[in-house]
Amino acid sequence: MKIEKNVLIMSLFPNKITKLFDETFNTFKSYEQENAEKFIESLSDKIEAIAVMGGTAVSSELIKKLPKLKIIANYGVGYDAVDVKQATLSNVKVTNTPDVLNDEVADTAIALSLCVYKNIALANQFLLEKKWLKSEYPLSKKFSGTKFGILGMGRIGKTIAKRIESFNCEICYHSRNQKDVKYKYFSKLEDLAEYVDTLCVITPGGEETKHLVNANVLQKLGKNGFLINIARGTVIDQKALIYALQNNIIRGAGLDVFENEPNVPDDLINLNNVILTPHIGSATVETRYDMGKLVYDNIVQMLTTNTTLSPVN
């Protein structure tokens, strides 16, 4: 099926998804260009759709330059790099990819939690360095039966909670509004942090949540508390977190996201009470294909029926 519409692809998608776009539309790939801005300007009167990954910015200036633009299809749940306000003013639909990555991100949250509680990285290093021949590995802290706090009880938060139930943990949460769930609600983040053993961050990024987890919240989490972040690096005050980890204000952290990715401070890398992963929350072949397919399907739907499957605005 060939649809004679012009699609700007601003990020490198999985090969199968790129092939789908190429077979269906007239595609223009700005990420391949030496001067992406100039390339896009040369197409300003043609582009009807944008396919983009979460880390690539779609600014108000760019949206204003594309008079025929109908849709910005974002690959990922978070869309803080897209100027949704300007898109709405310009009558441009923004979509994201909810649900298809819920399981994968929830699995990552569980993996980080278990790894940081069991000190898996240090245990692996201990064995590889043959220290086991001389001594036993130090005891770690039990995860099952602890108090698990979730910051953000959206789709992924609920999926995480469902998994955590199997560990017989007491599940609590904080969000802007109380949800229709059976878990204990805290109207103040500081109170949640003080109550739980683990604080798992899965709230949207952007200015509204920037540094929501600050020095005060970390102080409340306390010297036996663990922080897990699979949301956005900006939600946590990274400098305050490093200080808290260096000074045993909290016990440890499992982090999949950072403030200035892919740059991770040496002060964080050099700590032995953290597990760090390179933003792999949804990074499996199957899930990334499903995310890309939803981006593709949203654009097909918009350019053929003027509707979308997963609208943001």
C-alpha atoms as a PDB file:
ATOM      1  CA  MET A   1       0.000   0.000   0.000  1.00  0.00           C
ATOM      2  CA  LYS A   2       1.545   3.274  -1.107  1.00  0.00           C
ATOM      3  CA  ILE A   3       0.200   6.496   0.369  1.00  0.00           C
ATOM      4  CA  GLU A   4       1.424   9.578  -1.477  1.00  0.00           C
ATOM      5  CA  LYS A   5       2.100  11.605   1.646  1.00  0.00           C
ATOM      6  CA  ASN A   6       5.366  13.109   2.879  1.00  0.00           C
ATOM      7  CA  VAL A   7       6.766  11.968   6.221  1.00  0.00           C
ATOM      8  CA  LEU A   8       9.786  13.443   7.994  1.00  0.00           C
ATOM      9  CA  ILE A   9      11.631  10.856  10.066  1.00  0.00           C
ATOM     10  CA  MET A  10      13.786  12.685  12.602  1.00  0.00           C
ATOM     11  CA  SER A  11      15.250   9.717  14.507  1.00  0.00           C
ATOM     12  CA  LEU A  12      16.774   6.344  13.699  1.00  0.00           C
ATOM     13  CA  PHE A  13      13.987   3.781  14.129  1.00  0.00           C
ATOM     14  CA  PRO A  14      14.297  -0.033  14.150  1.00  0.00           C
ATOM     15  CA  ASN A  15      15.030  -1.258  10.617  1.00  0.00           C
ATOM     16  CA  LYS A  16      11.678  -3.012  10.178  1.00  0.00           C
ATOM     17  CA  ILE A  17       9.813   0.176  11.073  1.00  0.00           C
ATOM     18  CA  THR A  18      11.899   2.328   8.739  1.00  0.00           C
ATOM     19  CA  LYS A  19      11.199  -0.176   5.965  1.00  0.00           C
ATOM     20  CA  LEU A  20       7.455   0.077   6.654  1.00  0.00           C
ATOM     21  CA  PHE A  21       7.618   3.867   6.366  1.00  0.00           C
ATOM     22  CA  ASP A  22       9.682   3.681   3.160  1.00  0.00           C
ATOM     23  CA  GLU A  23       7.247   1.246   1.565  1.00  0.00           C
ATOM     24  CA  THR A  24       4.172   3.297   2.490  1.00  0.00           C
ATOM     25  CA  PHE A  25       5.163   6.971   2.278  1.00  0.00           C
ATOM     26  CA  ASN A  26       7.547   9.401   0.672  1.00  0.00           C
ATOM     27  CA  THR A  27      10.097   9.560   3.487  1.00  0.00           C
ATOM     28  CA  PHE A  28      12.713  12.174   4.325  1.00  0.00           C
ATOM     29  CA  LYS A  29      15.302  11.340   7.003  1.00  0.00           C
ATOM     30  CA  SER A  30      16.774  14.376   8.715  1.00  0.00           C
ATOM     31  CA  TYR A  31      18.984  12.270  11.026  1.00  0.00           C
ATOM     32  CA  GLU A  32      21.042  11.214   7.994  1.00  0.00           C
ATOM     33  CA  GLN A  33      21.804  14.795   7.001  1.00  0.00           C
ATOM     34  CA  GLU A  34      24.884  16.813   7.870  1.00  0.00           C
ATOM     35  CA  ASN A  35      22.731  19.907   8.308  1.00  0.00           C
ATOM     36  CA  ALA A  36      19.348  18.629   9.508  1.00  0.00           C
ATOM     37  CA  GLU A  37      17.891  22.118  10.016  1.00  0.00           C
ATOM     38  CA  LYS A  38      18.666  23.211   6.470  1.00  0.00           C
ATOM     39  CA  PHE A  39      17.351  19.920   5.110  1.00  0.00           C
ATOM     40  CA  ILE A  40      14.024  20.340   6.921  1.00  0.00           C
ATOM     41  CA  GLU A  41      13.712  23.956   5.747  1.00  0.00           C
ATOM     42  CA  SER A  42      14.031  22.770   2.144  1.00  0.00           C
ATOM     43  CA  LEU A  43      11.002  20.527   2.715  1.00  0.00           C
ATOM     44  CA  SER A  44       8.902  23.004   4.694  1.00  0.00           C
ATOM     45  CA  ASP A  45       6.042  23.117   2.175  1.00  0.00           C
ATOM     46  CA  LYS A  46       5.837  19.310   1.831  1.00  0.00           C
ATOM     47  CA  ILE A  47       5.976  17.654   5.254  1.00  0.00           C
ATOM     48  CA  GLU A  48       2.628  16.353   6.539  1.00  0.00           C
ATOM     49  CA  ALA A  49       3.830  14.087   9.350  1.00  0.00           C
ATOM     50  CA  ILE A  50       6.789  13.722  11.695  1.00  0.00           C
ATOM     51  CA  ALA A  51       7.983  10.453  13.219  1.00  0.00           C
ATOM     52  CA  VAL A  52      10.323  11.089  16.130  1.00  0.00           C
ATOM     53  CA  MET A  53      11.897   9.421  19.140  1.00  0.00           C
ATOM     54  CA  GLY A  54      11.587  10.878  22.630  1.00  0.00           C
ATOM     55  CA  GLY A  55      15.078  12.340  22.805  1.00  0.00           C
ATOM     56  CA  THR A  56      14.774  14.427  19.631  1.00  0.00           C
ATOM     57  CA  ALA A  57      13.295  17.902  20.071  1.00  0.00           C
ATOM     58  CA  VAL A  58      10.368  19.130  18.010  1.00  0.00           C
ATOM     59  CA  SER A  59      10.356  22.831  18.855  1.00  0.00           C
ATOM     60  CA  SER A  60       7.684  25.464  18.401  1.00  0.00           C
ATOM     61  CA  GLU A  61       9.890  27.084  15.753  1.00  0.00           C
ATOM     62  CA  LEU A  62      10.021  23.873  13.742  1.00  0.00           C
ATOM     63  CA  ILE A  63       6.260  23.332  13.981  1.00  0.00           C
ATOM     64  CA  LYS A  64       5.615  26.890  12.773  1.00  0.00           C
ATOM     65  CA  LYS A  65       7.824  26.287   9.711  1.00  0.00           C
ATOM     66  CA  LEU A  66       5.745  23.319   8.496  1.00  0.00           C
ATOM     67  CA  PRO A  67       2.342  24.662   7.339  1.00  0.00           C
ATOM     68  CA  LYS A  68       1.079  21.279   6.059  1.00  0.00           C
ATOM     69  CA  LEU A  69       2.028  19.351   9.205  1.00  0.00           C
ATOM     70  CA  LYS A  70      -0.846  17.287  10.619  1.00  0.00           C
ATOM     71  CA  ILE A  71       0.773  14.932  13.127  1.00  0.00           C
ATOM     72  CA  ILE A  72       3.870  14.480  15.315  1.00  0.00           C
ATOM     73  CA  ALA A  73       4.044  10.797  16.219  1.00  0.00           C
ATOM     74  CA  ASN A  74       6.308  10.322  19.222  1.00  0.00           C
ATOM     75  CA  TYR A  75       8.071   7.017  19.903  1.00  0.00           C
ATOM     76  CA  GLY A  76       7.793   6.560  23.666  1.00  0.00           C
ATOM     77  CA  VAL A  77       5.365   7.421  26.439  1.00  0.00           C
ATOM     78  CA  GLY A  78       7.201  10.614  27.392  1.00  0.00           C
ATOM     79  CA  TYR A  79       6.793  13.479  24.932  1.00  0.00           C
ATOM     80  CA  ASP A  80       8.475  16.330  26.838  1.00  0.00           C
ATOM     81  CA  ALA A  81      10.762  17.064  23.855  1.00  0.00           C
ATOM     82  CA  VAL A  82       7.734  17.956  21.718  1.00  0.00           C
ATOM     83  CA  ASP A  83       6.191  21.420  22.083  1.00  0.00           C
ATOM     84  CA  VAL A  84       2.629  20.153  22.531  1.00  0.00           C
ATOM     85  CA  LYS A  85       1.300  23.643  23.259  1.00  0.00           C
ATOM     86  CA  GLN A  86       2.483  24.959  19.904  1.00  0.00           C
ATOM     87  CA  ALA A  87       1.303  21.807  18.143  1.00  0.00           C
ATOM     88  CA  THR A  88      -2.178  22.355  19.547  1.00  0.00           C
ATOM     89  CA  LEU A  89      -2.162  26.012  18.501  1.00  0.00           C
ATOM     90  CA  SER A  90      -1.121  24.909  15.000  1.00  0.00           C
ATOM     91  CA  ASN A  91      -3.848  22.243  14.857  1.00  0.00           C
ATOM     92  CA  VAL A  92      -1.254  19.470  14.809  1.00  0.00           C
ATOM     93  CA  LYS A  93      -1.981  16.188  16.572  1.00  0.00           C
ATOM     94  CA  VAL A  94       0.661  14.707  18.887  1.00  0.00           C
ATOM     95  CA  THR A  95       0.630  10.976  19.655  1.00  0.00           C
ATOM     96  CA  ASN A  96       2.739   8.727  21.879  1.00  0.00           C
ATOM     97  CA  THR A  97       3.090   4.980  22.458  1.00  0.00           C
ATOM     98  CA  PRO A  98       1.405   4.025  25.750  1.00  0.00           C
ATOM     99  CA  ASP A  99       0.589   0.471  26.857  1.00  0.00           C
ATOM    100  CA  VAL A 100       2.867  -1.364  24.405  1.00  0.00           C
ATOM    101  CA  LEU A 101       5.861  -0.764  26.695  1.00  0.00           C
ATOM    102  CA  ASN A 102       4.171  -1.096  30.099  1.00  0.00           C
ATOM    103  CA  ASP A 103       5.354  -4.656  30.733  1.00  0.00           C
ATOM    104  CA  GLU A 104       8.919  -3.999  29.626  1.00  0.00           C
ATOM    105  CA  VAL A 105       9.406  -0.882  31.755  1.00  0.00           C
ATOM    106  CA  ALA A 106       7.781  -2.600  34.740  1.00  0.00           C
ATOM    107  CA  ASP A 107      10.156  -5.545  34.311  1.00  0.00           C
ATOM    108  CA  THR A 108      13.078  -3.102  34.323  1.00  0.00           C
ATOM    109  CA  ALA A 109      11.818  -1.539  37.556  1.00  0.00           C
ATOM    110  CA  ILE A 110      11.723  -4.962  39.205  1.00  0.00           C
ATOM    111  CA  ALA A 111      15.164  -5.866  37.858  1.00  0.00           C
ATOM    112  CA  LEU A 112      16.710  -2.644  39.185  1.00  0.00           C
ATOM    113  CA  SER A 113      15.043  -3.113  42.567  1.00  0.00           C
ATOM    114  CA  LEU A 114      16.297  -6.659  42.994  1.00  0.00           C
ATOM    115  CA  CYS A 115      19.758  -5.789  41.700  1.00  0.00           C
ATOM    116  CA  VAL A 116      20.248  -2.887  44.080  1.00  0.00           C
ATOM    117  CA  TYR A 117      18.868  -4.776  47.094  1.00  0.00           C
ATOM    118  CA  LYS A 118      21.018  -7.861  46.376  1.00  0.00           C
ATOM    119  CA  ASN A 119      24.071  -5.840  45.270  1.00  0.00           C
ATOM    120  CA  ILE A 120      24.175  -7.957  42.093  1.00  0.00           C
ATOM    121  CA  ALA A 121      26.808  -5.861  40.288  1.00  0.00           C
ATOM    122  CA  LEU A 122      29.209  -5.962  43.236  1.00  0.00           C
ATOM    123  CA  ALA A 123      28.535  -9.656  43.777  1.00  0.00           C
ATOM    124  CA  ASN A 124      29.390 -10.356  40.148  1.00  0.00           C
ATOM    125  CA  GLN A 125      32.592  -8.341  40.440  1.00  0.00           C
ATOM    126  CA  PHE A 126      33.447 -10.139  43.708  1.00  0.00           C
ATOM    127  CA  LEU A 127      33.227 -13.518  41.975  1.00  0.00           C
ATOM    128  CA  LEU A 128      35.080 -12.470  38.803  1.00  0.00           C
ATOM    129  CA  GLU A 129      37.944 -11.090  40.875  1.00  0.00           C
ATOM    130  CA  LYS A 130      38.131 -14.496  42.657  1.00  0.00           C
ATOM    131  CA  LYS A 131      37.585 -12.934  46.058  1.00  0.00           C
ATOM    132  CA  TRP A 132      35.147 -15.764  46.857  1.00  0.00           C
ATOM    133  CA  LEU A 133      38.170 -18.043  47.212  1.00  0.00           C
ATOM    134  CA  LYS A 134      39.212 -16.037  50.258  1.00  0.00           C
ATOM    135  CA  SER A 135      35.950 -14.941  51.881  1.00  0.00           C
ATOM    136  CA  GLU A 136      32.174 -15.001  51.720  1.00  0.00           C
ATOM    137  CA  TYR A 137      30.323 -12.169  50.011  1.00  0.00           C
ATOM    138  CA  PRO A 138      28.744  -9.690  52.497  1.00  0.00           C
ATOM    139  CA  LEU A 139      25.068 -10.127  53.332  1.00  0.00           C
ATOM    140  CA  SER A 140      22.550  -7.930  51.509  1.00  0.00           C
ATOM    141  CA  LYS A 141      19.100  -6.589  52.414  1.00  0.00           C
ATOM    142  CA  LYS A 142      15.859  -8.541  51.896  1.00  0.00           C
ATOM    143  CA  PHE A 143      13.421  -7.107  49.350  1.00  0.00           C
ATOM    144  CA  SER A 144      10.303  -9.226  49.906  1.00  0.00           C
ATOM    145  CA  GLY A 145       7.913  -7.836  52.493  1.00  0.00           C
ATOM    146  CA  THR A 146       9.275  -4.287  52.346  1.00  0.00           C
ATOM    147  CA  LYS A 147       7.297  -1.077  51.800  1.00  0.00           C
ATOM    148  CA  PHE A 148       7.361  -0.106  48.122  1.00  0.00           C
ATOM    149  CA  GLY A 149       6.414   3.427  47.133  1.00  0.00           C
ATOM    150  CA  ILE A 150       5.505   4.442  43.593  1.00  0.00           C
ATOM    151  CA  LEU A 151       5.728   8.047  42.441  1.00  0.00           C
ATOM    152  CA  GLY A 152       3.185   8.161  39.609  1.00  0.00           C
ATOM    153  CA  MET A 153       0.281   5.695  39.486  1.00  0.00           C
ATOM    154  CA  GLY A 154      -0.386   5.739  35.754  1.00  0.00           C
ATOM    155  CA  ARG A 155      -0.458   2.774  33.389  1.00  0.00           C
ATOM    156  CA  ILE A 156       3.140   1.738  34.068  1.00  0.00           C
ATOM    157  CA  GLY A 157       2.849   2.456  37.797  1.00  0.00           C
ATOM    158  CA  LYS A 158      -0.095   0.072  37.995  1.00  0.00           C
ATOM    159  CA  THR A 159       1.807  -2.582  36.041  1.00  0.00           C
ATOM    160  CA  ILE A 160       4.755  -2.268  38.432  1.00  0.00           C
ATOM    161  CA  ALA A 161       2.436  -2.527  41.441  1.00  0.00           C
ATOM    162  CA  LYS A 162       0.903  -5.731  40.080  1.00  0.00           C
ATOM    163  CA  ARG A 163       4.358  -7.313  39.884  1.00  0.00           C
ATOM    164  CA  ILE A 164       5.388  -6.030  43.301  1.00  0.00           C
ATOM    165  CA  GLU A 165       2.359  -7.728  44.882  1.00  0.00           C
ATOM    166  CA  SER A 166       4.023 -11.106  44.300  1.00  0.00           C
ATOM    167  CA  PHE A 167       6.838 -10.050  46.655  1.00  0.00           C
ATOM    168  CA  ASN A 168       4.354  -9.470  49.497  1.00  0.00           C
ATOM    169  CA  CYS A 169       5.361  -5.825  49.683  1.00  0.00           C
ATOM    170  CA  GLU A 170       3.137  -3.107  51.085  1.00  0.00           C
ATOM    171  CA  ILE A 171       2.468  -0.889  48.078  1.00  0.00           C
ATOM    172  CA  CYS A 172       1.927   2.862  48.477  1.00  0.00           C
ATOM    173  CA  TYR A 173       1.888   5.720  46.010  1.00  0.00           C
ATOM    174  CA  HIS A 174       1.810   9.445  45.403  1.00  0.00           C
ATOM    175  CA  SER A 175       0.347  11.184  42.359  1.00  0.00           C
ATOM    176  CA  ARG A 176      -1.356  14.491  41.663  1.00  0.00           C
ATOM    177  CA  ASN A 177      -4.728  12.874  42.304  1.00  0.00           C
ATOM    178  CA  GLN A 178      -5.829   9.784  44.186  1.00  0.00           C
ATOM    179  CA  LYS A 179      -6.467   6.868  41.832  1.00  0.00           C
ATOM    180  CA  ASP A 180      -9.067   4.118  41.898  1.00  0.00           C
ATOM    181  CA  VAL A 181      -6.617   1.496  43.196  1.00  0.00           C
ATOM    182  CA  LYS A 182      -6.391  -0.512  46.404  1.00  0.00           C
ATOM    183  CA  TYR A 183      -2.972   0.839  47.410  1.00  0.00           C
ATOM    184  CA  LYS A 184      -2.319   3.357  50.172  1.00  0.00           C
ATOM    185  CA  TYR A 185      -2.300   6.945  48.906  1.00  0.00           C
ATOM    186  CA  PHE A 186      -0.060   9.744  50.170  1.00  0.00           C
ATOM    187  CA  SER A 187      -1.017  13.281  49.202  1.00  0.00           C
ATOM    188  CA  LYS A 188       2.523  14.508  49.950  1.00  0.00           C
ATOM    189  CA  LEU A 189       5.615  12.997  48.328  1.00  0.00           C
ATOM    190  CA  GLU A 190       7.717  13.693  51.431  1.00  0.00           C
ATOM    191  CA  ASP A 191       5.341  11.611  53.562  1.00  0.00           C
ATOM    192  CA  LEU A 192       5.501   8.722  51.088  1.00  0.00           C
ATOM    193  CA  ALA A 193       9.306   8.844  51.031  1.00  0.00           C
ATOM    194  CA  GLU A 194       9.467   8.798  54.821  1.00  0.00           C
ATOM    195  CA  TYR A 195       7.140   5.780  55.028  1.00  0.00           C
ATOM    196  CA  VAL A 196       8.617   3.440  52.404  1.00  0.00           C
ATOM    197  CA  ASP A 197      11.800   1.415  51.961  1.00  0.00           C
ATOM    198  CA  THR A 198      11.855   1.877  48.176  1.00  0.00           C
ATOM    199  CA  LEU A 199      10.760   4.909  46.177  1.00  0.00           C
ATOM    200  CA  CYS A 200      10.194   4.043  42.498  1.00  0.00           C
ATOM    201  CA  VAL A 201       9.872   7.010  40.138  1.00  0.00           C
ATOM    202  CA  ILE A 202       7.629   6.553  37.105  1.00  0.00           C
ATOM    203  CA  THR A 203       6.100  10.005  36.637  1.00  0.00           C
ATOM    204  CA  PRO A 204       6.241  12.061  33.406  1.00  0.00           C
ATOM    205  CA  GLY A 205       9.177  14.384  32.776  1.00  0.00           C
ATOM    206  CA  GLY A 206       9.053  18.057  31.844  1.00  0.00           C
ATOM    207  CA  GLU A 207       9.090  21.322  33.751  1.00  0.00           C
ATOM    208  CA  GLU A 208       6.192  20.375  36.034  1.00  0.00           C
ATOM    209  CA  THR A 209       8.122  17.491  37.584  1.00  0.00           C
ATOM    210  CA  LYS A 210      11.680  18.847  37.334  1.00  0.00           C
ATOM    211  CA  HIS A 211      13.627  18.005  40.536  1.00  0.00           C
ATOM    212  CA  LEU A 212      10.442  16.756  42.178  1.00  0.00           C
ATOM    213  CA  VAL A 213      12.679  14.317  44.053  1.00  0.00           C
ATOM    214  CA  ASN A 214      14.956  16.789  45.817  1.00  0.00           C
ATOM    215  CA  ALA A 215      17.302  16.798  48.808  1.00  0.00           C
ATOM    216  CA  ASN A 216      14.387  16.973  51.239  1.00  0.00           C
ATOM    217  CA  VAL A 217      12.654  13.927  49.718  1.00  0.00           C
ATOM    218  CA  LEU A 218      15.920  11.972  49.777  1.00  0.00           C
ATOM    219  CA  GLN A 219      16.461  12.933  53.414  1.00  0.00           C
ATOM    220  CA  LYS A 220      12.982  11.582  54.197  1.00  0.00           C
ATOM    221  CA  LEU A 221      13.708   8.348  52.315  1.00  0.00           C
ATOM    222  CA  GLY A 222      16.551   7.849  54.742  1.00  0.00           C
ATOM    223  CA  LYS A 223      19.666   5.789  55.293  1.00  0.00           C
ATOM    224  CA  ASN A 224      17.913   2.452  54.705  1.00  0.00           C
ATOM    225  CA  GLY A 225      15.970   3.647  51.663  1.00  0.00           C
ATOM    226  CA  PHE A 226      16.459   2.822  47.997  1.00  0.00           C
ATOM    227  CA  LEU A 227      15.583   5.012  45.001  1.00  0.00           C
ATOM    228  CA  ILE A 228      14.617   3.545  41.616  1.00  0.00           C
ATOM    229  CA  ASN A 229      14.227   5.846  38.590  1.00  0.00           C
ATOM    230  CA  ILE A 230      12.812   4.592  35.281  1.00  0.00           C
ATOM    231  CA  ALA A 231      10.993   7.825  34.384  1.00  0.00           C
ATOM    232  CA  ARG A 232      13.110  10.806  33.315  1.00  0.00           C
ATOM    233  CA  GLY A 233      16.435  11.947  34.731  1.00  0.00           C
ATOM    234  CA  THR A 234      15.096  15.460  35.254  1.00  0.00           C
ATOM    235  CA  VAL A 235      12.575  14.291  37.866  1.00  0.00           C
ATOM    236  CA  ILE A 236      15.453  13.831  40.333  1.00  0.00           C
ATOM    237  CA  ASP A 237      17.897  16.515  41.459  1.00  0.00           C
ATOM    238  CA  GLN A 238      20.966  14.567  40.349  1.00  0.00           C
ATOM    239  CA  LYS A 239      23.466  16.602  42.368  1.00  0.00           C
ATOM    240  CA  ALA A 240      21.389  16.107  45.506  1.00  0.00           C
ATOM    241  CA  LEU A 241      21.146  12.381  44.744  1.00  0.00           C
ATOM    242  CA  ILE A 242      24.912  12.017  44.337  1.00  0.00           C
ATOM    243  CA  TYR A 243      25.442  13.816  47.651  1.00  0.00           C
ATOM    244  CA  ALA A 244      22.870  11.585  49.342  1.00  0.00           C
ATOM    245  CA  LEU A 245      24.540   8.433  48.004  1.00  0.00           C
ATOM    246  CA  GLN A 246      28.047   9.612  48.892  1.00  0.00           C
ATOM    247  CA  ASN A 247      27.039  10.505  52.438  1.00  0.00           C
ATOM    248  CA  ASN A 248      24.798   7.521  53.227  1.00  0.00           C
ATOM    249  CA  ILE A 249      21.700   9.715  53.413  1.00  0.00           C
ATOM    250  CA  ILE A 250      20.034   6.936  51.406  1.00  0.00           C
ATOM    251  CA  ARG A 251      21.236   3.363  51.088  1.00  0.00           C
ATOM    252  CA  GLY A 252      21.320   2.918  47.308  1.00  0.00           C
ATOM    253  CA  ALA A 253      19.805   3.611  43.916  1.00  0.00           C
ATOM    254  CA  GLY A 254      18.913   1.881  40.666  1.00  0.00           C
ATOM    255  CA  LEU A 255      18.906   4.354  37.780  1.00  0.00           C
ATOM    256  CA  ASP A 256      17.985   3.849  34.142  1.00  0.00           C
ATOM    257  CA  VAL A 257      17.745   7.563  33.303  1.00  0.00           C
ATOM    258  CA  PHE A 258      19.901  10.621  33.927  1.00  0.00           C
ATOM    259  CA  GLU A 259      19.722  14.417  33.697  1.00  0.00           C
ATOM    260  CA  ASN A 260      22.017  14.866  30.710  1.00  0.00           C
ATOM    261  CA  GLU A 261      21.943  11.600  28.810  1.00  0.00           C
ATOM    262  CA  PRO A 262      24.132   9.976  27.627  1.00  0.00           C
ATOM    263  CA  ASN A 263      26.515  11.890  29.895  1.00  0.00           C
ATOM    264  CA  VAL A 264      26.651  10.301  33.348  1.00  0.00           C
ATOM    265  CA  PRO A 265      28.850  12.021  35.983  1.00  0.00           C
ATOM    266  CA  ASP A 266      31.923  10.143  37.205  1.00  0.00           C
ATOM    267  CA  ASP A 267      30.808  10.919  40.750  1.00  0.00           C
ATOM    268  CA  LEU A 268      27.794   8.702  40.094  1.00  0.00           C
ATOM    269  CA  ILE A 269      29.657   6.020  38.144  1.00  0.00           C
ATOM    270  CA  ASN A 270      32.279   5.646  40.875  1.00  0.00           C
ATOM    271  CA  LEU A 271      29.759   4.876  43.627  1.00  0.00           C
ATOM    272  CA  ASN A 272      29.420   1.280  44.806  1.00  0.00           C
ATOM    273  CA  ASN A 273      25.835   1.571  46.053  1.00  0.00           C
ATOM    274  CA  VAL A 274      24.205   2.120  42.650  1.00  0.00           C
ATOM    275  CA  ILE A 275      23.074   0.082  39.663  1.00  0.00           C
ATOM    276  CA  LEU A 276      23.234   2.141  36.461  1.00  0.00           C
ATOM    277  CA  THR A 277      21.775   1.185  33.073  1.00  0.00           C
ATOM    278  CA  PRO A 278      21.761   3.186  29.789  1.00  0.00           C
ATOM    279  CA  HIS A 279      18.035   3.982  29.445  1.00  0.00           C
ATOM    280  CA  ILE A 280      17.039   0.420  28.589  1.00  0.00           C
ATOM    281  CA  GLY A 281      13.581   0.521  30.198  1.00  0.00           C
ATOM    282  CA  SER A 282      11.777  -0.583  27.043  1.00  0.00           C
ATOM    283  CA  ALA A 283      14.811  -1.866  25.167  1.00  0.00           C
ATOM    284  CA  THR A 284      13.895  -5.259  23.790  1.00  0.00           C
ATOM    285  CA  VAL A 285      13.484  -6.136  20.122  1.00  0.00           C
ATOM    286  CA  GLU A 286       9.837  -7.034  20.579  1.00  0.00           C
ATOM    287  CA  THR A 287       8.795  -3.946  22.541  1.00  0.00           C
ATOM    288  CA  ARG A 288      10.725  -1.484  20.412  1.00  0.00           C
ATOM    289  CA  TYR A 289       9.070  -2.948  17.292  1.00  0.00           C
ATOM    290  CA  ASP A 290       5.619  -2.578  18.882  1.00  0.00           C
ATOM    291  CA  MET A 291       6.393   1.037  19.794  1.00  0.00           C
ATOM    292  CA  GLY A 292       7.568   1.817  16.272  1.00  0.00           C
ATOM    293  CA  LYS A 293       4.542   0.088  14.758  1.00  0.00           C
ATOM    294  CA  LEU A 294       2.230   2.287  16.842  1.00  0.00           C
ATOM    295  CA  VAL A 295       4.071   5.396  15.595  1.00  0.00           C
ATOM    296  CA  TYR A 296       3.568   4.125  12.045  1.00  0.00           C
ATOM    297  CA  ASP A 297      -0.102   3.218  12.626  1.00  0.00           C
ATOM    298  CA  ASN A 298      -0.846   6.643  14.116  1.00  0.00           C
ATOM    299  CA  ILE A 299       0.572   8.360  11.039  1.00  0.00           C
ATOM    300  CA  VAL A 300      -1.277   6.055   8.634  1.00  0.00           C
ATOM    301  CA  GLN A 301      -4.524   6.684  10.486  1.00  0.00           C
ATOM    302  CA  MET A 302      -4.040  10.454  10.607  1.00  0.00           C
ATOM    303  CA  LEU A 303      -3.115  10.815   6.944  1.00  0.00           C
ATOM    304  CA  THR A 304      -5.941   8.576   5.721  1.00  0.00           C
ATOM    305  CA  THR A 305      -8.821   9.184   8.158  1.00  0.00           C
ATOM    306  CA  ASN A 306      -7.773  12.319  10.077  1.00  0.00           C
ATOM    307  CA  THR A 307      -7.939  10.382  13.383  1.00  0.00           C
ATOM    308  CA  THR A 308      -5.314   8.900  15.699  1.00  0.00           C
ATOM    309  CA  LEU A 309      -4.970   5.817  17.905  1.00  0.00           C
ATOM    310  CA  SER A 310      -3.164   7.266  20.921  1.00  0.00           C
ATOM    311  CA  PRO A 311      -3.559  11.061  21.002  1.00  0.00           C
ATOM    312  CA  VAL A 312      -1.812  13.334  23.491  1.00  0.00           C
ATOM    313  CA  ASN A 313      -3.656  16.547  22.547  1.00  0.00           C
END
